[in-house]
């Protein structure tokens, strides 16, 4: 005698069969255990390269703007107010 179904995890009998032909749902004929064999939903994909490149470009632009705002050795900071030629202090 051949087995007519898959072994049931609940009752242990070989009586698990597809509910309908071509169905992904299985049922045990002995204890009415049901199981859907659909694959699990796909995992969330990692960020795509285009989004990583976009945020990288934004970060680069922000860093460029901020570096322009900082004083550089070639551009000294003038701490005295703008005075006319007659008011400047002679050293």
PDB file of N, CA and C in Angstrom:
ATOM      1  N   UNK A   1       0.837  -1.175   0.000  1.00  0.00           N
ATOM      2  CA  UNK A   1       0.000   0.000   0.000  1.00  0.00           C
ATOM      3  C   UNK A   1       0.882   1.239   0.000  1.00  0.00           C
ATOM      4  N   UNK A   2       0.564   2.205  -0.837  1.00  0.00           N
ATOM      5  CA  UNK A   2       1.354   3.421  -0.937  1.00  0.00           C
ATOM      6  C   UNK A   2       0.714   4.525  -0.108  1.00  0.00           C
ATOM      7  N   UNK A   3       1.561   5.474   0.286  1.00  0.00           N
ATOM      8  CA  UNK A   3       1.060   6.625   1.045  1.00  0.00           C
ATOM      9  C   UNK A   3       0.306   7.558   0.110  1.00  0.00           C
ATOM     10  N   UNK A   4      -0.852   7.986   0.539  1.00  0.00           N
ATOM     11  CA  UNK A   4      -1.650   8.857  -0.327  1.00  0.00           C
ATOM     12  C   UNK A   4      -1.414  10.333  -0.043  1.00  0.00           C
ATOM     13  N   UNK A   5      -0.681  10.689   1.014  1.00  0.00           N
ATOM     14  CA  UNK A   5      -0.469  12.094   1.343  1.00  0.00           C
ATOM     15  C   UNK A   5       0.815  12.301   2.113  1.00  0.00           C
ATOM     16  N   UNK A   6       0.989  13.499   2.551  1.00  0.00           N
ATOM     17  CA  UNK A   6       2.154  13.900   3.329  1.00  0.00           C
ATOM     18  C   UNK A   6       1.812  13.718   4.799  1.00  0.00           C
ATOM     19  N   UNK A   7       2.836  13.469   5.620  1.00  0.00           N
ATOM     20  CA  UNK A   7       2.606  13.284   7.050  1.00  0.00           C
ATOM     21  C   UNK A   7       2.146  14.581   7.701  1.00  0.00           C
ATOM     22  N   UNK A   8       1.090  14.516   8.470  1.00  0.00           N
ATOM     23  CA  UNK A   8       0.525  15.672   9.155  1.00  0.00           C
ATOM     24  C   UNK A   8       1.351  16.000  10.395  1.00  0.00           C
ATOM     25  N   UNK A   9       1.730  17.276  10.590  1.00  0.00           N
ATOM     26  CA  UNK A   9       2.495  17.627  11.789  1.00  0.00           C
ATOM     27  C   UNK A   9       1.651  17.585  13.065  1.00  0.00           C
ATOM     28  N   UNK A  10       0.330  17.565  12.938  1.00  0.00           N
ATOM     29  CA  UNK A  10      -0.561  17.547  14.106  1.00  0.00           C
ATOM     30  C   UNK A  10      -0.866  16.119  14.568  1.00  0.00           C
ATOM     31  N   UNK A  11      -1.362  15.290  13.644  1.00  0.00           N
ATOM     32  CA  UNK A  11      -1.796  13.943  14.043  1.00  0.00           C
ATOM     33  C   UNK A  11      -0.807  12.848  13.655  1.00  0.00           C
ATOM     34  N   UNK A  12       0.153  13.150  12.770  1.00  0.00           N
ATOM     35  CA  UNK A  12       1.170  12.175  12.385  1.00  0.00           C
ATOM     36  C   UNK A  12       0.745  11.211  11.293  1.00  0.00           C
ATOM     37  N   UNK A  13      -0.466  11.292  10.814  1.00  0.00           N
ATOM     38  CA  UNK A  13      -0.942  10.396   9.753  1.00  0.00           C
ATOM     39  C   UNK A  13      -0.534  10.959   8.389  1.00  0.00           C
ATOM     40  N   UNK A  14      -0.399  10.072   7.419  1.00  0.00           N
ATOM     41  CA  UNK A  14      -0.058  10.479   6.056  1.00  0.00           C
ATOM     42  C   UNK A  14      -1.325  10.835   5.299  1.00  0.00           C
ATOM     43  N   UNK A  15      -1.980  11.898   5.717  1.00  0.00           N
ATOM     44  CA  UNK A  15      -3.256  12.245   5.093  1.00  0.00           C
ATOM     45  C   UNK A  15      -3.356  13.732   4.727  1.00  0.00           C
ATOM     46  N   UNK A  16      -2.206  14.404   4.547  1.00  0.00           N
ATOM     47  CA  UNK A  16      -2.223  15.812   4.127  1.00  0.00           C
ATOM     48  C   UNK A  16      -2.213  15.846   2.606  1.00  0.00           C
ATOM     49  N   UNK A  17      -3.236  16.489   2.029  1.00  0.00           N
ATOM     50  CA  UNK A  17      -3.373  16.574   0.572  1.00  0.00           C
ATOM     51  C   UNK A  17      -3.708  18.018   0.188  1.00  0.00           C
ATOM     52  N   UNK A  18      -3.469  18.389  -1.068  1.00  0.00           N
ATOM     53  CA  UNK A  18      -3.868  19.731  -1.513  1.00  0.00           C
ATOM     54  C   UNK A  18      -5.378  19.893  -1.400  1.00  0.00           C
ATOM     55  N   UNK A  19      -5.822  21.076  -0.995  1.00  0.00           N
ATOM     56  CA  UNK A  19      -7.261  21.327  -0.836  1.00  0.00           C
ATOM     57  C   UNK A  19      -7.968  21.238  -2.187  1.00  0.00           C
ATOM     58  N   UNK A  20      -7.393  21.874  -3.198  1.00  0.00           N
ATOM     59  CA  UNK A  20      -7.913  21.825  -4.575  1.00  0.00           C
ATOM     60  C   UNK A  20      -6.734  21.542  -5.490  1.00  0.00           C
ATOM     61  N   UNK A  21      -7.013  21.108  -6.713  1.00  0.00           N
ATOM     62  CA  UNK A  21      -5.899  20.866  -7.631  1.00  0.00           C
ATOM     63  C   UNK A  21      -5.246  22.202  -7.982  1.00  0.00           C
ATOM     64  N   UNK A  22      -3.948  22.237  -7.877  1.00  0.00           N
ATOM     65  CA  UNK A  22      -3.206  23.462  -8.171  1.00  0.00           C
ATOM     66  C   UNK A  22      -3.225  24.460  -7.023  1.00  0.00           C
ATOM     67  N   UNK A  23      -3.811  24.097  -5.897  1.00  0.00           N
ATOM     68  CA  UNK A  23      -3.919  24.998  -4.744  1.00  0.00           C
ATOM     69  C   UNK A  23      -2.625  24.984  -3.937  1.00  0.00           C
ATOM     70  N   UNK A  24      -2.349  26.090  -3.259  1.00  0.00           N
ATOM     71  CA  UNK A  24      -1.190  26.148  -2.371  1.00  0.00           C
ATOM     72  C   UNK A  24      -1.595  25.865  -0.936  1.00  0.00           C
ATOM     73  N   UNK A  25      -2.878  25.575  -0.710  1.00  0.00           N
ATOM     74  CA  UNK A  25      -3.361  25.263   0.638  1.00  0.00           C
ATOM     75  C   UNK A  25      -3.512  23.751   0.774  1.00  0.00           C
ATOM     76  N   UNK A  26      -2.979  23.220   1.886  1.00  0.00           N
ATOM     77  CA  UNK A  26      -3.038  21.788   2.152  1.00  0.00           C
ATOM     78  C   UNK A  26      -3.894  21.564   3.389  1.00  0.00           C
ATOM     79  N   UNK A  27      -4.588  20.407   3.416  1.00  0.00           N
ATOM     80  CA  UNK A  27      -5.462  20.063   4.536  1.00  0.00           C
ATOM     81  C   UNK A  27      -5.260  18.583   4.884  1.00  0.00           C
ATOM     82  N   UNK A  28      -5.324  18.307   6.191  1.00  0.00           N
ATOM     83  CA  UNK A  28      -5.237  16.912   6.648  1.00  0.00           C
ATOM     84  C   UNK A  28      -6.645  16.328   6.639  1.00  0.00           C
ATOM     85  N   UNK A  29      -6.790  15.175   6.008  1.00  0.00           N
ATOM     86  CA  UNK A  29      -8.103  14.537   5.926  1.00  0.00           C
ATOM     87  C   UNK A  29      -8.522  13.922   7.258  1.00  0.00           C
ATOM     88  N   UNK A  30      -7.565  13.712   8.165  1.00  0.00           N
ATOM     89  CA  UNK A  30      -7.880  13.090   9.451  1.00  0.00           C
ATOM     90  C   UNK A  30      -8.255  14.111  10.524  1.00  0.00           C
ATOM     91  N   UNK A  31      -7.454  15.171  10.658  1.00  0.00           N
ATOM     92  CA  UNK A  31      -7.697  16.105  11.769  1.00  0.00           C
ATOM     93  C   UNK A  31      -8.059  17.510  11.297  1.00  0.00           C
ATOM     94  N   UNK A  32      -8.173  17.727  10.002  1.00  0.00           N
ATOM     95  CA  UNK A  32      -8.555  19.018   9.401  1.00  0.00           C
ATOM     96  C   UNK A  32      -7.509  20.118   9.603  1.00  0.00           C
ATOM     97  N   UNK A  33      -6.231  19.723   9.879  1.00  0.00           N
ATOM     98  CA  UNK A  33      -5.132  20.683   9.968  1.00  0.00           C
ATOM     99  C   UNK A  33      -4.966  21.352   8.605  1.00  0.00           C
ATOM    100  N   UNK A  34      -4.761  22.674   8.593  1.00  0.00           N
ATOM    101  CA  UNK A  34      -4.587  23.411   7.335  1.00  0.00           C
ATOM    102  C   UNK A  34      -3.261  24.142   7.335  1.00  0.00           C
ATOM    103  N   UNK A  35      -2.671  24.219   6.160  1.00  0.00           N
ATOM    104  CA  UNK A  35      -1.407  24.942   5.995  1.00  0.00           C
ATOM    105  C   UNK A  35      -1.365  25.521   4.600  1.00  0.00           C
ATOM    106  N   UNK A  36      -0.966  26.798   4.512  1.00  0.00           N
ATOM    107  CA  UNK A  36      -0.797  27.451   3.216  1.00  0.00           C
ATOM    108  C   UNK A  36       0.685  27.410   2.888  1.00  0.00           C
ATOM    109  N   UNK A  37       1.037  26.924   1.720  1.00  0.00           N
ATOM    110  CA  UNK A  37       2.438  26.781   1.353  1.00  0.00           C
ATOM    111  C   UNK A  37       2.958  27.927   0.496  1.00  0.00           C
ATOM    112  N   UNK A  38       2.284  29.078   0.559  1.00  0.00           N
ATOM    113  CA  UNK A  38       2.806  30.231  -0.178  1.00  0.00           C
ATOM    114  C   UNK A  38       4.172  30.606   0.380  1.00  0.00           C
ATOM    115  N   UNK A  39       5.070  31.038  -0.482  1.00  0.00           N
ATOM    116  CA  UNK A  39       6.379  31.441   0.024  1.00  0.00           C
ATOM    117  C   UNK A  39       6.242  32.691   0.894  1.00  0.00           C
ATOM    118  N   UNK A  40       7.148  32.880   1.859  1.00  0.00           N
ATOM    119  CA  UNK A  40       7.080  34.074   2.704  1.00  0.00           C
ATOM    120  C   UNK A  40       7.306  35.337   1.868  1.00  0.00           C
ATOM    121  N   UNK A  41       6.811  36.476   2.332  1.00  0.00           N
ATOM    122  CA  UNK A  41       7.012  37.701   1.565  1.00  0.00           C
ATOM    123  C   UNK A  41       8.496  38.011   1.443  1.00  0.00           C
ATOM    124  N   UNK A  42       8.908  38.634   0.354  1.00  0.00           N
ATOM    125  CA  UNK A  42      10.334  38.925   0.165  1.00  0.00           C
ATOM    126  C   UNK A  42      10.830  39.904   1.224  1.00  0.00           C
ATOM    127  N   UNK A  43      12.102  39.766   1.543  1.00  0.00           N
ATOM    128  CA  UNK A  43      12.717  40.671   2.515  1.00  0.00           C
ATOM    129  C   UNK A  43      12.855  42.056   1.898  1.00  0.00           C
ATOM    130  N   UNK A  44      12.898  43.054   2.764  1.00  0.00           N
ATOM    131  CA  UNK A  44      13.049  44.421   2.291  1.00  0.00           C
ATOM    132  C   UNK A  44      14.411  44.554   1.613  1.00  0.00           C
ATOM    133  N   UNK A  45      14.396  45.131   0.428  1.00  0.00           N
ATOM    134  CA  UNK A  45      15.629  45.274  -0.333  1.00  0.00           C
ATOM    135  C   UNK A  45      16.504  46.364   0.266  1.00  0.00           C
ATOM    136  N   UNK A  46      17.819  46.196   0.160  1.00  0.00           N
ATOM    137  CA  UNK A  46      18.698  47.277   0.618  1.00  0.00           C
ATOM    138  C   UNK A  46      18.526  48.491  -0.288  1.00  0.00           C
ATOM    139  N   UNK A  47      18.930  49.669   0.175  1.00  0.00           N
ATOM    140  CA  UNK A  47      18.762  50.858  -0.662  1.00  0.00           C
ATOM    141  C   UNK A  47      19.466  50.684  -2.005  1.00  0.00           C
ATOM    142  N   UNK A  48      18.848  51.196  -3.017  1.00  0.00           N
ATOM    143  CA  UNK A  48      19.430  51.078  -4.349  1.00  0.00           C
ATOM    144  C   UNK A  48      20.590  52.048  -4.502  1.00  0.00           C
ATOM    145  N   UNK A  49      21.437  51.747  -5.442  1.00  0.00           N
ATOM    146  CA  UNK A  49      22.629  52.564  -5.676  1.00  0.00           C
ATOM    147  C   UNK A  49      22.256  53.991  -6.032  1.00  0.00           C
ATOM    148  N   UNK A  50      21.137  54.186  -6.718  1.00  0.00           N
ATOM    149  CA  UNK A  50      20.757  55.537  -7.117  1.00  0.00           C
ATOM    150  C   UNK A  50      20.431  56.400  -5.902  1.00  0.00           C
ATOM    151  N   UNK A  51      19.765  55.836  -4.887  1.00  0.00           N
ATOM    152  CA  UNK A  51      19.460  56.630  -3.700  1.00  0.00           C
ATOM    153  C   UNK A  51      20.719  56.905  -2.896  1.00  0.00           C
ATOM    154  N   UNK A  52      21.641  55.959  -2.838  1.00  0.00           N
ATOM    155  CA  UNK A  52      22.904  56.183  -2.139  1.00  0.00           C
ATOM    156  C   UNK A  52      23.703  57.273  -2.845  1.00  0.00           C
ATOM    157  N   UNK A  53      23.733  57.241  -4.167  1.00  0.00           N
ATOM    158  CA  UNK A  53      24.452  58.259  -4.932  1.00  0.00           C
ATOM    159  C   UNK A  53      23.805  59.633  -4.757  1.00  0.00           C
ATOM    160  N   UNK A  54      22.480  59.687  -4.719  1.00  0.00           N
ATOM    161  CA  UNK A  54      21.774  60.957  -4.547  1.00  0.00           C
ATOM    162  C   UNK A  54      22.129  61.594  -3.208  1.00  0.00           C
ATOM    163  N   UNK A  55      22.021  60.817  -2.122  1.00  0.00           N
ATOM    164  CA  UNK A  55      22.329  61.368  -0.804  1.00  0.00           C
ATOM    165  C   UNK A  55      23.817  61.683  -0.663  1.00  0.00           C
ATOM    166  N   UNK A  56      24.665  60.934  -1.341  1.00  0.00           N
ATOM    167  CA  UNK A  56      26.095  61.245  -1.339  1.00  0.00           C
ATOM    168  C   UNK A  56      26.370  62.572  -2.028  1.00  0.00           C
ATOM    169  N   UNK A  57      25.674  62.832  -3.131  1.00  0.00           N
ATOM    170  CA  UNK A  57      25.849  64.102  -3.848  1.00  0.00           C
ATOM    171  C   UNK A  57      25.350  65.270  -3.006  1.00  0.00           C
ATOM    172  N   UNK A  58      24.240  65.093  -2.301  1.00  0.00           N
ATOM    173  CA  UNK A  58      23.720  66.142  -1.425  1.00  0.00           C
ATOM    174  C   UNK A  58      24.725  66.432  -0.309  1.00  0.00           C
ATOM    175  N   UNK A  59      25.280  65.404   0.294  1.00  0.00           N
ATOM    176  CA  UNK A  59      26.278  65.581   1.359  1.00  0.00           C
ATOM    177  C   UNK A  59      27.510  66.305   0.829  1.00  0.00           C
ATOM    178  N   UNK A  60      27.942  65.969  -0.380  1.00  0.00           N
ATOM    179  CA  UNK A  60      29.094  66.637  -0.984  1.00  0.00           C
ATOM    180  C   UNK A  60      28.806  68.124  -1.215  1.00  0.00           C
ATOM    181  N   UNK A  61      27.615  68.444  -1.708  1.00  0.00           N
ATOM    182  CA  UNK A  61      27.263  69.852  -1.936  1.00  0.00           C
ATOM    183  C   UNK A  61      27.221  70.639  -0.631  1.00  0.00           C
ATOM    184  N   UNK A  62      26.660  70.040   0.407  1.00  0.00           N
ATOM    185  CA  UNK A  62      26.602  70.718   1.707  1.00  0.00           C
ATOM    186  C   UNK A  62      28.016  70.941   2.243  1.00  0.00           C
ATOM    187  N   UNK A  63      28.875  69.951   2.123  1.00  0.00           N
ATOM    188  CA  UNK A  63      30.262  70.098   2.584  1.00  0.00           C
ATOM    189  C   UNK A  63      30.987  71.177   1.788  1.00  0.00           C
ATOM    190  N   UNK A  64      30.715  71.272   0.499  1.00  0.00           N
ATOM    191  CA  UNK A  64      31.358  72.301  -0.336  1.00  0.00           C
ATOM    192  C   UNK A  64      30.922  73.699   0.087  1.00  0.00           C
ATOM    193  N   UNK A  65      29.634  73.872   0.338  1.00  0.00           N
ATOM    194  CA  UNK A  65      29.126  75.179   0.759  1.00  0.00           C
ATOM    195  C   UNK A  65      29.707  75.559   2.122  1.00  0.00           C
ATOM    196  N   UNK A  66      29.738  74.607   3.042  1.00  0.00           N
ATOM    197  CA  UNK A  66      30.274  74.895   4.375  1.00  0.00           C
ATOM    198  C   UNK A  66      31.759  75.219   4.336  1.00  0.00           C
ATOM    199  N   UNK A  67      32.512  74.591   3.450  1.00  0.00           N
ATOM    200  CA  UNK A  67      33.940  74.890   3.359  1.00  0.00           C
ATOM    201  C   UNK A  67      34.181  76.288   2.797  1.00  0.00           C
ATOM    202  N   UNK A  68      33.261  76.793   1.990  1.00  0.00           N
ATOM    203  CA  UNK A  68      33.396  78.153   1.458  1.00  0.00           C
ATOM    204  C   UNK A  68      33.098  79.195   2.523  1.00  0.00           C
ATOM    205  N   UNK A  69      32.339  78.857   3.530  1.00  0.00           N
ATOM    206  CA  UNK A  69      31.985  79.805   4.580  1.00  0.00           C
ATOM    207  C   UNK A  69      33.092  79.960   5.620  1.00  0.00           C
ATOM    208  N   UNK A  70      33.979  78.979   5.752  1.00  0.00           N
ATOM    209  CA  UNK A  70      35.064  79.057   6.722  1.00  0.00           C
ATOM    210  C   UNK A  70      36.178  79.945   6.194  1.00  0.00           C
ATOM    211  N   UNK A  71      36.849  80.697   7.075  1.00  0.00           N
ATOM    212  CA  UNK A  71      37.969  81.511   6.601  1.00  0.00           C
ATOM    213  C   UNK A  71      39.139  80.620   6.192  1.00  0.00           C
ATOM    214  N   UNK A  72      39.850  81.059   5.199  1.00  0.00           N
ATOM    215  CA  UNK A  72      41.022  80.321   4.731  1.00  0.00           C
ATOM    216  C   UNK A  72      42.260  81.147   5.031  1.00  0.00           C
ATOM    217  N   UNK A  73      43.446  80.538   5.064  1.00  0.00           N
ATOM    218  CA  UNK A  73      44.679  81.303   5.337  1.00  0.00           C
ATOM    219  C   UNK A  73      44.925  82.417   4.316  1.00  0.00           C
ATOM    220  N   UNK A  74      44.447  82.258   3.104  1.00  0.00           N
ATOM    221  CA  UNK A  74      44.667  83.281   2.071  1.00  0.00           C
ATOM    222  C   UNK A  74      43.700  84.447   2.197  1.00  0.00           C
ATOM    223  N   UNK A  75      42.689  84.309   3.008  1.00  0.00           N
ATOM    224  CA  UNK A  75      41.685  85.348   3.155  1.00  0.00           C
ATOM    225  C   UNK A  75      41.574  85.702   4.636  1.00  0.00           C
ATOM    226  N   UNK A  76      42.388  86.681   5.095  1.00  0.00           N
ATOM    227  CA  UNK A  76      42.379  87.006   6.526  1.00  0.00           C
ATOM    228  C   UNK A  76      41.039  87.631   6.940  1.00  0.00           C
ATOM    229  N   UNK A  77      40.741  87.477   8.206  1.00  0.00           N
ATOM    230  CA  UNK A  77      39.522  88.049   8.749  1.00  0.00           C
ATOM    231  C   UNK A  77      39.832  89.459   9.238  1.00  0.00           C
ATOM    232  N   UNK A  78      39.023  90.426   8.845  1.00  0.00           N
ATOM    233  CA  UNK A  78      39.192  91.809   9.273  1.00  0.00           C
ATOM    234  C   UNK A  78      38.319  92.013  10.504  1.00  0.00           C
ATOM    235  N   UNK A  79      38.961  92.171  11.674  1.00  0.00           N
ATOM    236  CA  UNK A  79      38.212  92.321  12.910  1.00  0.00           C
ATOM    237  C   UNK A  79      37.888  93.776  13.234  1.00  0.00           C
ATOM    238  N   UNK A  80      38.515  94.705  12.534  1.00  0.00           N
ATOM    239  CA  UNK A  80      38.232  96.123  12.781  1.00  0.00           C
ATOM    240  C   UNK A  80      37.114  96.559  11.860  1.00  0.00           C
ATOM    241  N   UNK A  81      36.293  97.492  12.308  1.00  0.00           N
ATOM    242  CA  UNK A  81      35.237  97.970  11.420  1.00  0.00           C
ATOM    243  C   UNK A  81      35.830  98.734  10.249  1.00  0.00           C
ATOM    244  N   UNK A  82      35.057  98.804   9.182  1.00  0.00           N
ATOM    245  CA  UNK A  82      35.524  99.543   8.017  1.00  0.00           C
ATOM    246  C   UNK A  82      35.600 101.035   8.371  1.00  0.00           C
ATOM    247  N   UNK A  83      36.791 101.564   8.323  1.00  0.00           N
ATOM    248  CA  UNK A  83      36.998 102.967   8.630  1.00  0.00           C
ATOM    249  C   UNK A  83      37.424 103.692   7.361  1.00  0.00           C
ATOM    250  N   UNK A  84      37.150 104.950   7.308  1.00  0.00           N
ATOM    251  CA  UNK A  84      37.615 105.724   6.159  1.00  0.00           C
ATOM    252  C   UNK A  84      39.114 105.909   6.273  1.00  0.00           C
ATOM    253  N   UNK A  85      39.753 106.356   5.225  1.00  0.00           N
ATOM    254  CA  UNK A  85      41.198 106.535   5.234  1.00  0.00           C
ATOM    255  C   UNK A  85      41.643 107.501   6.328  1.00  0.00           C
ATOM    256  N   UNK A  86      40.887 108.526   6.622  1.00  0.00           N
ATOM    257  CA  UNK A  86      41.260 109.489   7.646  1.00  0.00           C
ATOM    258  C   UNK A  86      41.114 108.931   9.056  1.00  0.00           C
ATOM    259  N   UNK A  87      40.317 107.901   9.241  1.00  0.00           N
ATOM    260  CA  UNK A  87      40.074 107.373  10.579  1.00  0.00           C
ATOM    261  C   UNK A  87      40.927 106.156  10.901  1.00  0.00           C
ATOM    262  N   UNK A  88      41.647 105.588   9.958  1.00  0.00           N
ATOM    263  CA  UNK A  88      42.427 104.383  10.216  1.00  0.00           C
ATOM    264  C   UNK A  88      43.572 104.684  11.166  1.00  0.00           C
ATOM    265  N   UNK A  89      43.884 103.748  11.993  1.00  0.00           N
ATOM    266  CA  UNK A  89      44.963 103.898  12.974  1.00  0.00           C
ATOM    267  C   UNK A  89      46.260 103.586  12.273  1.00  0.00           C
ATOM    268  N   UNK A  90      47.219 104.459  12.427  1.00  0.00           N
ATOM    269  CA  UNK A  90      48.523 104.265  11.802  1.00  0.00           C
ATOM    270  C   UNK A  90      49.404 103.543  12.802  1.00  0.00           C
ATOM    271  N   UNK A  91      50.065 102.521  12.380  1.00  0.00           N
ATOM    272  CA  UNK A  91      50.945 101.761  13.257  1.00  0.00           C
ATOM    273  C   UNK A  91      52.376 102.028  12.930  1.00  0.00           C
TER     274      UNK A  91
END
